[in-house]
Amino acid sequence: MFRGAVAAAVGAGGYLAGSRARPETRRADWKPYALEYPLAPPRLDPDTYFTTEICRRELGVPALGAASDCEVIAYYFPAWHPSPYMERLYGKDWTEFELLKNARSLFPGHQQPKQPLWGYFNEADPVWAEREIDAAADHGIHGWMVDWYWHDGAMFYQEQLENGFLAARNRSRLRFALMWANHDWRAVYPARSPDEAQILLPQTHSERDCLRVIDYCIEHYFHQPNYWRLNGALVFGIFDLDHLARQLGGAEALKRTLGAMRERVARAGLGGLHIQSNNVHGHLEGRFREVGVDSATFYHTFGWSYGGRPPGSLSPYSDGAIHSIRQWAKMRGRCDVPFFPDCPAGWDDSPRFGASAHMVVERSPDQYEILLRAARQFVEGQTPRVIFLSSWNEWTEDHTLLPDTVYGYSYLEAVRRACGPAPWEDAALRGTRIYDGG
């Protein structure tokens, strides 16, 4: 299968590669956005680079020059430590690093595998957590939005947070919050495609279970002094709001459940609860305020292996960047609450799906820096000002800021150039407090 799909990719050439192998999935009108902007000199391939000029055209601004501070929050995927549930399925000491170790280049110039520059490490070890915290804070990241897994009381991957991050001596340098990754848990280690991957844990919802989730968070997380707050309220993200609303019974049931979750937090003496829709919004964008959602964003704006472009095909990073900016504008127009842009570093989940993955190619730190500056420009003038980064460490989807053996620290340096150091770090140096977590 791999040989046939790769042969089709090479034979098709360019960024429509792979569609010959599965013609039924190809969209007749699909082409890279980058082709809309011919660049000089003519010999340059117009598909392959996201420039400041293209960025300004998409934003409709004469220059990129956001002056206001903003909070920079990176998504954290905690799959890089042994977790008992996953060990029962895949063996003692198993982590998703095993997929990265077995990843292979599928075509000439394919930059896989990308290995961690630090080697393979256990993120649930406080010593390693401290190193990660310093790397994030030193490069202008203010906090982590941690993917958190709860399936009707079954939990996994929480050890990174509970045993590592919260036990780190320097934990106060970063804020943290939870994004409930409330989707079915599938066996993608590896799999032929996302749809064909076996469901290990289906995600089911009820008001009772949502209150169990909040009770656990109150006991273990919400009282922590460095839990991230917006406008004084604890931030709690939900990956798939649509799934939650449908299983609860619709918008009114969602409103009732989110209200009960807020009441639980208030009765615990912890103040308000800021509920965020993080990826799948269920066409509720114009009713967010009514149902009790306070803000929205995306987890990733061009994860095309999950739909939108042909399996096994390639897209240039410029296409993903342009698509991201257009998605930001579309969502801002739809939402009746603040919308925060997300900046993906890349996308290539071939370590999970092989030649069936959609792969974003020719990414680079300088293009990413331009996208970060675009996000800062986008939130200029709104309150609060937050940008999200995808992500700190999604190694097997190829969007990671941690140093690797291909780019070193270049992506972290791009974040620091575009976003600057954490504001409370600067304040400490000046003896002035400018950030209060509100």
Protein backbone atom coordinates (compact mmCIF):
# COMPACT_ATOMS: atom_id res chain seq x y z
CA MET A 1 0.00 0.00 0.00
CA PHE A 2 2.73 2.47 0.94
CA ARG A 3 4.64 1.84 -2.25
CA GLY A 4 1.58 2.43 -4.44
CA ALA A 5 0.53 5.59 -2.65
CA VAL A 6 4.02 7.04 -2.69
CA ALA A 7 4.40 6.24 -6.37
CA ALA A 8 1.17 8.08 -7.04
CA ALA A 9 2.40 11.03 -5.00
CA VAL A 10 5.63 11.31 -6.94
CA GLY A 11 3.93 10.71 -10.27
CA ALA A 12 1.25 13.32 -9.72
CA GLY A 13 3.86 15.95 -8.91
CA GLY A 14 3.48 19.11 -6.87
CA TYR A 15 0.68 19.69 -4.42
CA LEU A 16 -2.07 17.64 -6.03
CA ALA A 17 0.07 14.60 -5.26
CA GLY A 18 -1.61 11.46 -4.05
CA SER A 19 -5.06 12.22 -5.45
CA ARG A 20 -4.58 9.72 -8.29
CA ALA A 21 -4.40 6.88 -5.81
CA ARG A 22 -7.87 7.72 -4.42
CA PRO A 23 -9.67 9.81 -7.08
CA GLU A 24 -13.03 9.57 -5.32
CA THR A 25 -11.75 11.88 -2.56
CA ARG A 26 -10.36 14.61 -4.79
CA ARG A 27 -12.27 17.89 -4.94
CA ALA A 28 -12.51 19.08 -8.51
CA ASP A 29 -12.12 22.74 -7.56
CA TRP A 30 -9.29 22.31 -5.07
CA LYS A 31 -6.02 24.18 -5.57
CA PRO A 32 -3.47 25.76 -3.23
CA TYR A 33 -4.36 29.28 -2.12
CA ALA A 34 -0.75 30.25 -2.73
CA LEU A 35 -1.37 30.13 -6.49
CA GLU A 36 -3.46 33.30 -6.12
CA TYR A 37 -0.31 35.35 -5.48
CA PRO A 38 2.28 35.17 -8.28
CA LEU A 39 5.67 36.12 -6.90
CA ALA A 40 8.81 37.48 -8.52
CA PRO A 41 11.25 36.38 -9.77
CA PRO A 42 9.32 33.93 -12.02
CA ARG A 43 11.63 31.01 -11.25
CA LEU A 44 10.42 30.88 -7.65
CA ASP A 45 7.70 28.30 -7.03
CA PRO A 46 4.60 30.32 -6.01
CA ASP A 47 3.19 27.41 -4.04
CA THR A 48 5.85 27.19 -1.42
CA TYR A 49 6.32 30.35 0.63
CA PHE A 50 4.23 32.49 2.96
CA THR A 51 5.59 36.02 2.76
CA THR A 52 4.88 39.24 4.62
CA GLU A 53 3.31 40.60 1.44
CA ILE A 54 0.84 37.71 1.22
CA CYS A 55 0.12 38.05 4.94
CA ARG A 56 -0.69 41.76 4.64
CA ARG A 57 -3.00 41.11 1.68
CA GLU A 58 -4.92 38.50 3.62
CA LEU A 59 -5.26 40.74 6.68
CA GLY A 60 -6.03 43.83 4.61
CA VAL A 61 -3.42 45.97 6.39
CA PRO A 62 -0.53 48.06 5.01
CA ALA A 63 1.96 46.74 7.57
CA LEU A 64 2.35 44.26 10.44
CA GLY A 65 2.91 46.33 13.55
CA ALA A 66 0.81 45.28 16.54
CA ALA A 67 1.93 47.30 19.54
CA SER A 68 -0.21 45.85 22.34
CA ASP A 69 0.83 42.94 24.54
CA CYS A 70 -1.06 39.69 24.20
CA GLU A 71 -1.10 36.38 26.05
CA VAL A 72 0.50 33.47 24.22
CA ILE A 73 -0.90 30.04 25.06
CA ALA A 74 0.47 26.82 23.54
CA TYR A 75 -1.51 23.59 23.36
CA TYR A 76 0.20 20.73 25.20
CA PHE A 77 -0.40 17.09 24.16
CA PRO A 78 0.71 14.90 27.10
CA ALA A 79 1.36 11.56 25.35
CA TRP A 80 5.09 11.36 26.06
CA HIS A 81 5.17 9.45 29.33
CA PRO A 82 4.00 5.97 30.38
CA SER A 83 0.35 6.10 31.41
CA PRO A 84 -1.27 3.00 32.98
CA TYR A 85 -4.27 2.85 30.64
CA MET A 86 -2.09 2.97 27.53
CA GLU A 87 0.44 0.54 29.03
CA ARG A 88 -2.35 -2.01 29.50
CA LEU A 89 -3.04 -1.79 25.78
CA TYR A 90 0.46 -1.48 24.32
CA GLY A 91 2.91 -2.72 26.92
CA LYS A 92 4.99 -1.47 29.82
CA ASP A 93 6.66 1.93 29.34
CA TRP A 94 4.88 2.52 26.01
CA THR A 95 4.55 6.13 24.87
CA GLU A 96 3.62 7.66 21.52
CA PHE A 97 7.33 8.23 20.94
CA GLU A 98 7.25 4.66 19.59
CA LEU A 99 5.45 5.92 16.49
CA LEU A 100 8.02 8.66 16.02
CA LYS A 101 10.85 6.13 16.26
CA ASN A 102 9.24 4.08 13.48
CA ALA A 103 8.31 7.00 11.21
CA ARG A 104 9.76 6.92 7.69
CA SER A 105 10.32 9.34 4.84
CA LEU A 106 7.67 8.62 2.18
CA PHE A 107 9.01 10.65 -0.75
CA PRO A 108 12.17 12.55 -1.71
CA GLY A 109 12.53 15.57 0.54
CA HIS A 110 9.98 14.36 3.10
CA GLN A 111 11.30 15.57 6.47
CA GLN A 112 10.34 12.58 8.56
CA PRO A 113 11.07 11.53 11.16
CA LYS A 114 11.73 14.67 13.19
CA GLN A 115 13.31 13.54 16.43
CA PRO A 116 13.41 15.51 19.70
CA LEU A 117 16.72 17.32 20.06
CA TRP A 118 16.63 16.45 23.77
CA GLY A 119 16.13 12.77 23.02
CA TYR A 120 13.17 10.75 24.28
CA PHE A 121 12.18 11.83 27.77
CA ASN A 122 9.48 11.32 30.38
CA GLU A 123 7.46 14.53 30.65
CA ALA A 124 5.86 13.31 33.91
CA ASP A 125 9.25 13.53 35.61
CA PRO A 126 9.44 16.92 37.42
CA VAL A 127 13.05 17.36 36.32
CA TRP A 128 12.03 17.21 32.66
CA ALA A 129 8.94 19.31 33.36
CA GLU A 130 11.20 22.03 34.73
CA ARG A 131 13.26 22.02 31.55
CA GLU A 132 10.14 22.33 29.41
CA ILE A 133 8.76 25.15 31.58
CA ASP A 134 11.99 27.12 31.29
CA ALA A 135 12.11 26.65 27.52
CA ALA A 136 8.54 27.91 27.14
CA ALA A 137 8.81 30.88 29.51
CA ASP A 138 12.22 31.93 28.16
CA HIS A 139 10.76 32.19 24.66
CA GLY A 140 7.67 34.26 25.37
CA ILE A 141 5.03 31.60 26.03
CA HIS A 142 2.78 32.50 28.95
CA GLY A 143 0.94 29.24 29.48
CA TRP A 144 -0.07 25.77 28.32
CA MET A 145 -3.56 24.63 27.43
CA VAL A 146 -3.20 20.97 28.36
CA ASP A 147 -5.18 18.30 26.49
CA TRP A 148 -7.09 16.49 29.24
CA TYR A 149 -8.73 13.09 28.82
CA TRP A 150 -11.79 11.91 30.72
CA HIS A 151 -14.15 9.27 29.34
CA ASP A 152 -16.95 8.75 31.88
CA GLY A 153 -14.39 8.50 34.68
CA ALA A 154 -11.70 6.66 32.71
CA MET A 155 -8.57 8.83 32.65
CA PHE A 156 -5.16 8.73 31.01
CA TYR A 157 -2.24 11.08 30.37
CA GLN A 158 -3.04 13.22 33.43
CA GLU A 159 0.28 12.13 34.98
CA GLN A 160 2.17 14.77 32.98
CA LEU A 161 0.23 17.46 34.77
CA GLU A 162 -0.23 15.93 38.20
CA ASN A 163 3.19 14.26 38.62
CA GLY A 164 5.34 16.47 36.40
CA PHE A 165 4.22 20.04 35.86
CA LEU A 166 2.56 20.60 39.24
CA ALA A 167 5.56 19.09 41.02
CA ALA A 168 8.10 21.26 39.17
CA ARG A 169 9.96 23.81 41.29
CA ASN A 170 9.62 26.49 38.61
CA ARG A 171 5.94 25.87 37.81
CA SER A 172 5.03 29.47 38.69
CA ARG A 173 6.74 30.62 35.48
CA LEU A 174 3.82 29.29 33.39
CA ARG A 175 0.06 29.40 33.64
CA PHE A 176 -1.88 26.28 32.72
CA ALA A 177 -5.47 25.41 31.87
CA LEU A 178 -7.34 22.33 30.71
CA MET A 179 -8.93 21.57 27.39
CA TRP A 180 -11.24 18.59 27.82
CA ALA A 181 -10.42 16.50 24.72
CA ASN A 182 -13.94 15.09 24.64
CA HIS A 183 -13.70 13.01 21.48
CA ASP A 184 -13.67 9.25 20.95
CA TRP A 185 -10.27 7.80 21.73
CA ARG A 186 -9.00 5.79 18.76
CA ALA A 187 -6.13 3.38 18.13
CA VAL A 188 -3.94 5.40 15.76
CA TYR A 189 -0.67 3.64 16.68
CA PRO A 190 -0.56 3.33 13.65
CA ALA A 191 -3.78 3.06 11.61
CA ARG A 192 -4.73 3.12 7.92
CA SER A 193 -6.74 6.34 8.33
CA PRO A 194 -8.55 8.33 11.04
CA ASP A 195 -11.92 6.83 10.11
CA GLU A 196 -10.64 3.26 10.09
CA ALA A 197 -8.92 3.50 13.48
CA GLN A 198 -10.57 1.35 16.14
CA ILE A 199 -12.43 3.22 18.89
CA LEU A 200 -10.84 2.35 22.23
CA LEU A 201 -12.97 4.60 24.42
CA PRO A 202 -16.15 6.19 23.09
CA GLN A 203 -16.94 9.61 24.49
CA THR A 204 -20.37 9.85 26.10
CA HIS A 205 -21.82 12.83 27.94
CA SER A 206 -24.42 13.52 30.59
CA GLU A 207 -24.99 16.42 32.96
CA ARG A 208 -24.04 14.16 35.85
CA ASP A 209 -20.72 13.27 34.21
CA CYS A 210 -19.96 16.92 33.40
CA LEU A 211 -20.37 17.73 37.09
CA ARG A 212 -18.03 14.85 37.97
CA VAL A 213 -15.49 16.41 35.60
CA ILE A 214 -15.80 19.78 37.34
CA ASP A 215 -15.58 18.20 40.80
CA TYR A 216 -12.34 16.50 39.82
CA CYS A 217 -10.96 19.74 38.42
CA ILE A 218 -11.91 21.66 41.57
CA GLU A 219 -10.11 19.10 43.72
CA HIS A 220 -6.97 18.75 41.59
CA TYR A 221 -6.46 21.87 39.45
CA PHE A 222 -8.66 24.92 39.88
CA HIS A 223 -7.22 25.91 43.26
CA GLN A 224 -3.66 26.03 41.88
CA PRO A 225 -2.26 29.58 42.03
CA ASN A 226 -0.98 29.44 38.44
CA TYR A 227 -4.20 28.18 36.87
CA TRP A 228 -4.93 30.47 33.92
CA ARG A 229 -7.73 32.99 34.31
CA LEU A 230 -9.33 35.42 31.86
CA ASN A 231 -11.11 38.42 33.33
CA GLY A 232 -10.63 36.77 36.71
CA ALA A 233 -12.38 33.51 35.73
CA LEU A 234 -10.83 30.04 35.48
CA VAL A 235 -10.50 28.98 31.84
CA PHE A 236 -11.89 25.55 30.96
CA GLY A 237 -11.78 24.49 27.30
CA ILE A 238 -13.99 21.97 25.50
CA PHE A 239 -12.64 20.47 22.27
CA ASP A 240 -15.94 19.34 20.71
CA LEU A 241 -18.82 21.51 21.89
CA ASP A 242 -21.03 20.06 19.16
CA HIS A 243 -20.61 16.50 20.48
CA LEU A 244 -21.36 17.69 24.01
CA ALA A 245 -24.49 19.60 22.98
CA ARG A 246 -25.89 16.75 20.87
CA GLN A 247 -25.43 14.13 23.58
CA LEU A 248 -26.89 16.38 26.26
CA GLY A 249 -29.98 16.98 24.13
CA GLY A 250 -29.43 20.32 22.39
CA ALA A 251 -28.62 23.96 23.09
CA GLU A 252 -30.97 24.38 26.06
CA ALA A 253 -29.56 21.29 27.80
CA LEU A 254 -26.04 22.57 27.08
CA LYS A 255 -26.92 25.92 28.64
CA ARG A 256 -28.32 24.22 31.74
CA THR A 257 -25.25 21.97 32.11
CA LEU A 258 -22.69 24.74 31.66
CA GLY A 259 -24.63 26.81 34.20
CA ALA A 260 -24.51 23.95 36.70
CA MET A 261 -20.75 23.62 36.16
CA ARG A 262 -20.33 27.32 36.91
CA GLU A 263 -22.41 27.06 40.05
CA ARG A 264 -20.23 24.19 41.27
CA VAL A 265 -17.09 26.32 40.86
CA ALA A 266 -18.67 29.34 42.55
CA ARG A 267 -19.83 27.25 45.54
CA ALA A 268 -16.24 26.05 45.95
CA GLY A 269 -15.22 29.68 46.45
CA LEU A 270 -13.11 29.78 43.27
CA GLY A 271 -14.91 32.59 41.47
CA GLY A 272 -16.06 32.42 37.87
CA LEU A 273 -15.62 29.76 35.19
CA HIS A 274 -14.68 30.91 31.69
CA ILE A 275 -15.84 28.22 29.24
CA GLN A 276 -14.06 28.12 25.91
CA SER A 277 -15.02 26.29 22.71
CA ASN A 278 -11.73 25.02 21.30
CA ASN A 279 -12.38 23.36 17.96
CA VAL A 280 -15.77 21.90 16.95
CA HIS A 281 -18.40 24.57 17.55
CA GLY A 282 -21.60 22.92 16.32
CA HIS A 283 -22.95 25.96 14.46
CA LEU A 284 -23.57 27.59 17.84
CA GLU A 285 -21.18 30.47 17.19
CA GLY A 286 -23.96 33.08 17.09
CA ARG A 287 -25.47 31.69 20.31
CA PHE A 288 -22.33 31.19 22.36
CA ARG A 289 -23.19 33.91 24.86
CA GLU A 290 -26.73 32.57 25.25
CA VAL A 291 -25.64 28.99 26.01
CA GLY A 292 -22.82 30.04 28.33
CA VAL A 293 -19.65 29.96 26.20
CA ASP A 294 -17.27 32.86 26.86
CA SER A 295 -14.70 32.60 24.04
CA ALA A 296 -13.69 30.43 21.09
CA THR A 297 -10.63 29.37 19.15
CA PHE A 298 -9.35 26.42 17.12
CA TYR A 299 -7.07 23.55 18.10
CA HIS A 300 -5.62 23.44 14.59
CA THR A 301 -6.81 25.20 11.45
CA PHE A 302 -5.43 22.86 8.76
CA GLY A 303 -5.48 19.30 10.06
CA TRP A 304 -6.49 18.13 6.59
CA SER A 305 -6.02 14.42 7.25
CA TYR A 306 -9.43 14.71 8.93
CA GLY A 307 -11.16 16.12 5.87
CA GLY A 308 -11.06 18.93 3.33
CA ARG A 309 -8.22 17.66 1.14
CA PRO A 310 -7.35 14.34 -0.49
CA PRO A 311 -5.68 11.65 1.65
CA GLY A 312 -2.07 11.07 0.69
CA SER A 313 -1.67 14.51 -0.90
CA LEU A 314 0.62 17.42 -0.07
CA SER A 315 0.04 21.12 0.60
CA PRO A 316 2.60 23.88 1.06
CA TYR A 317 2.79 25.58 4.46
CA SER A 318 1.78 28.85 2.80
CA ASP A 319 -1.57 27.28 2.02
CA GLY A 320 -2.13 26.42 5.67
CA ALA A 321 -1.15 29.91 6.79
CA ILE A 322 -3.51 31.59 4.32
CA HIS A 323 -6.30 29.20 5.28
CA SER A 324 -5.71 30.02 8.95
CA ILE A 325 -6.08 33.77 8.47
CA ARG A 326 -9.27 33.27 6.47
CA GLN A 327 -10.66 30.98 9.15
CA TRP A 328 -9.90 33.58 11.85
CA ALA A 329 -11.84 36.23 9.95
CA LYS A 330 -14.74 33.88 9.27
CA MET A 331 -15.01 32.86 12.92
CA ARG A 332 -14.76 36.41 14.22
CA GLY A 333 -17.74 37.27 12.02
CA ARG A 334 -19.77 34.33 13.31
CA CYS A 335 -19.00 34.47 17.03
CA ASP A 336 -20.82 36.66 19.52
CA VAL A 337 -17.94 36.23 22.00
CA PRO A 338 -14.20 36.94 21.63
CA PHE A 339 -12.45 34.69 19.12
CA PHE A 340 -8.73 33.97 19.53
CA PRO A 341 -6.57 32.98 16.54
CA ASP A 342 -4.56 29.76 16.49
CA CYS A 343 -1.14 29.48 14.81
CA PRO A 344 -0.19 25.94 13.70
CA ALA A 345 3.50 25.21 13.20
CA GLY A 346 2.78 22.48 10.63
CA TRP A 347 0.84 19.30 9.90
CA ASP A 348 2.06 15.83 8.94
CA ASP A 349 0.56 12.85 10.75
CA SER A 350 2.21 10.25 8.54
CA PRO A 351 3.79 8.69 11.68
CA ARG A 352 0.21 7.64 12.50
CA PHE A 353 -1.37 7.10 9.07
CA GLY A 354 1.52 6.56 6.68
CA ALA A 355 0.87 7.52 3.07
CA SER A 356 -2.85 8.09 3.81
CA ALA A 357 -2.03 11.24 5.77
CA HIS A 358 -2.37 14.70 4.27
CA MET A 359 1.07 16.26 4.65
CA VAL A 360 1.94 19.94 4.85
CA VAL A 361 5.41 20.45 3.41
CA GLU A 362 8.07 23.18 3.20
CA ARG A 363 7.28 24.71 6.56
CA SER A 364 9.93 26.93 8.13
CA PRO A 365 10.42 29.10 11.23
CA ASP A 366 10.41 32.39 9.28
CA GLN A 367 7.01 31.63 7.75
CA TYR A 368 5.72 30.68 11.20
CA GLU A 369 6.98 33.98 12.61
CA ILE A 370 4.97 35.84 9.97
CA LEU A 371 1.84 33.89 10.97
CA LEU A 372 2.47 34.77 14.63
CA ARG A 373 2.76 38.44 13.73
CA ALA A 374 -0.47 38.14 11.77
CA ALA A 375 -2.20 36.74 14.86
CA ARG A 376 -0.92 39.61 16.99
CA GLN A 377 -2.22 42.05 14.39
CA PHE A 378 -5.57 40.23 14.34
CA VAL A 379 -6.17 40.63 18.10
CA GLU A 380 -4.99 44.25 18.21
CA GLY A 381 -7.81 46.34 19.61
CA GLN A 382 -9.81 43.47 21.12
CA THR A 383 -10.06 42.49 24.79
CA PRO A 384 -8.76 40.16 25.97
CA ARG A 385 -5.87 39.64 23.54
CA VAL A 386 -4.86 35.97 23.32
CA ILE A 387 -3.19 33.90 20.61
CA PHE A 388 -2.91 30.13 20.63
CA LEU A 389 -0.03 28.04 19.28
CA SER A 390 -0.44 24.57 17.82
CA SER A 391 1.37 23.19 19.52
CA TRP A 392 4.07 22.69 22.10
CA ASN A 393 4.61 19.00 21.39
CA GLU A 394 2.33 17.21 18.89
CA TRP A 395 5.28 15.21 17.57
CA THR A 396 3.29 12.64 15.59
CA GLU A 397 1.23 15.36 13.85
CA ASP A 398 4.33 17.48 13.13
CA HIS A 399 3.29 20.65 14.91
CA THR A 400 5.76 21.12 17.71
CA LEU A 401 7.72 24.04 19.10
CA LEU A 402 10.08 21.94 21.19
CA PRO A 403 13.55 21.71 19.65
CA ASP A 404 14.03 18.90 17.13
CA THR A 405 16.91 17.53 15.09
CA VAL A 406 15.82 19.39 11.93
CA TYR A 407 15.10 22.94 13.15
CA GLY A 408 16.77 23.01 16.57
CA TYR A 409 15.40 25.90 18.66
CA SER A 410 14.39 27.94 15.60
CA TYR A 411 10.64 27.74 16.19
CA LEU A 412 10.98 28.84 19.80
CA GLU A 413 13.19 31.71 18.67
CA ALA A 414 10.50 32.70 16.16
CA VAL A 415 7.97 32.83 19.00
CA ARG A 416 10.30 34.99 21.07
CA ARG A 417 10.91 37.41 18.20
CA ALA A 418 7.23 37.71 17.34
CA CYS A 419 5.74 37.70 20.82
CA GLY A 420 8.46 38.75 23.25
CA PRO A 421 9.10 37.49 26.80
CA ALA A 422 6.32 36.78 29.26
CA PRO A 423 5.04 40.12 30.61
CA TRP A 424 5.38 39.19 34.28
CA GLU A 425 9.00 38.15 33.66
CA ASP A 426 9.79 41.64 32.33
CA ALA A 427 7.92 43.17 35.26
CA ALA A 428 10.02 41.24 37.76
CA LEU A 429 13.16 42.64 36.17
CA ARG A 430 11.80 46.18 36.41
CA GLY A 431 10.36 45.75 39.88
CA THR A 432 6.87 46.54 38.55
CA ARG A 433 3.89 44.21 38.42
CA ILE A 434 1.96 44.41 35.17
CA TYR A 435 0.26 41.01 35.07
CA ASP A 436 -2.15 39.74 37.70
CA GLY A 437 -3.61 36.66 35.98
CA GLY A 438 -6.91 38.42 35.43
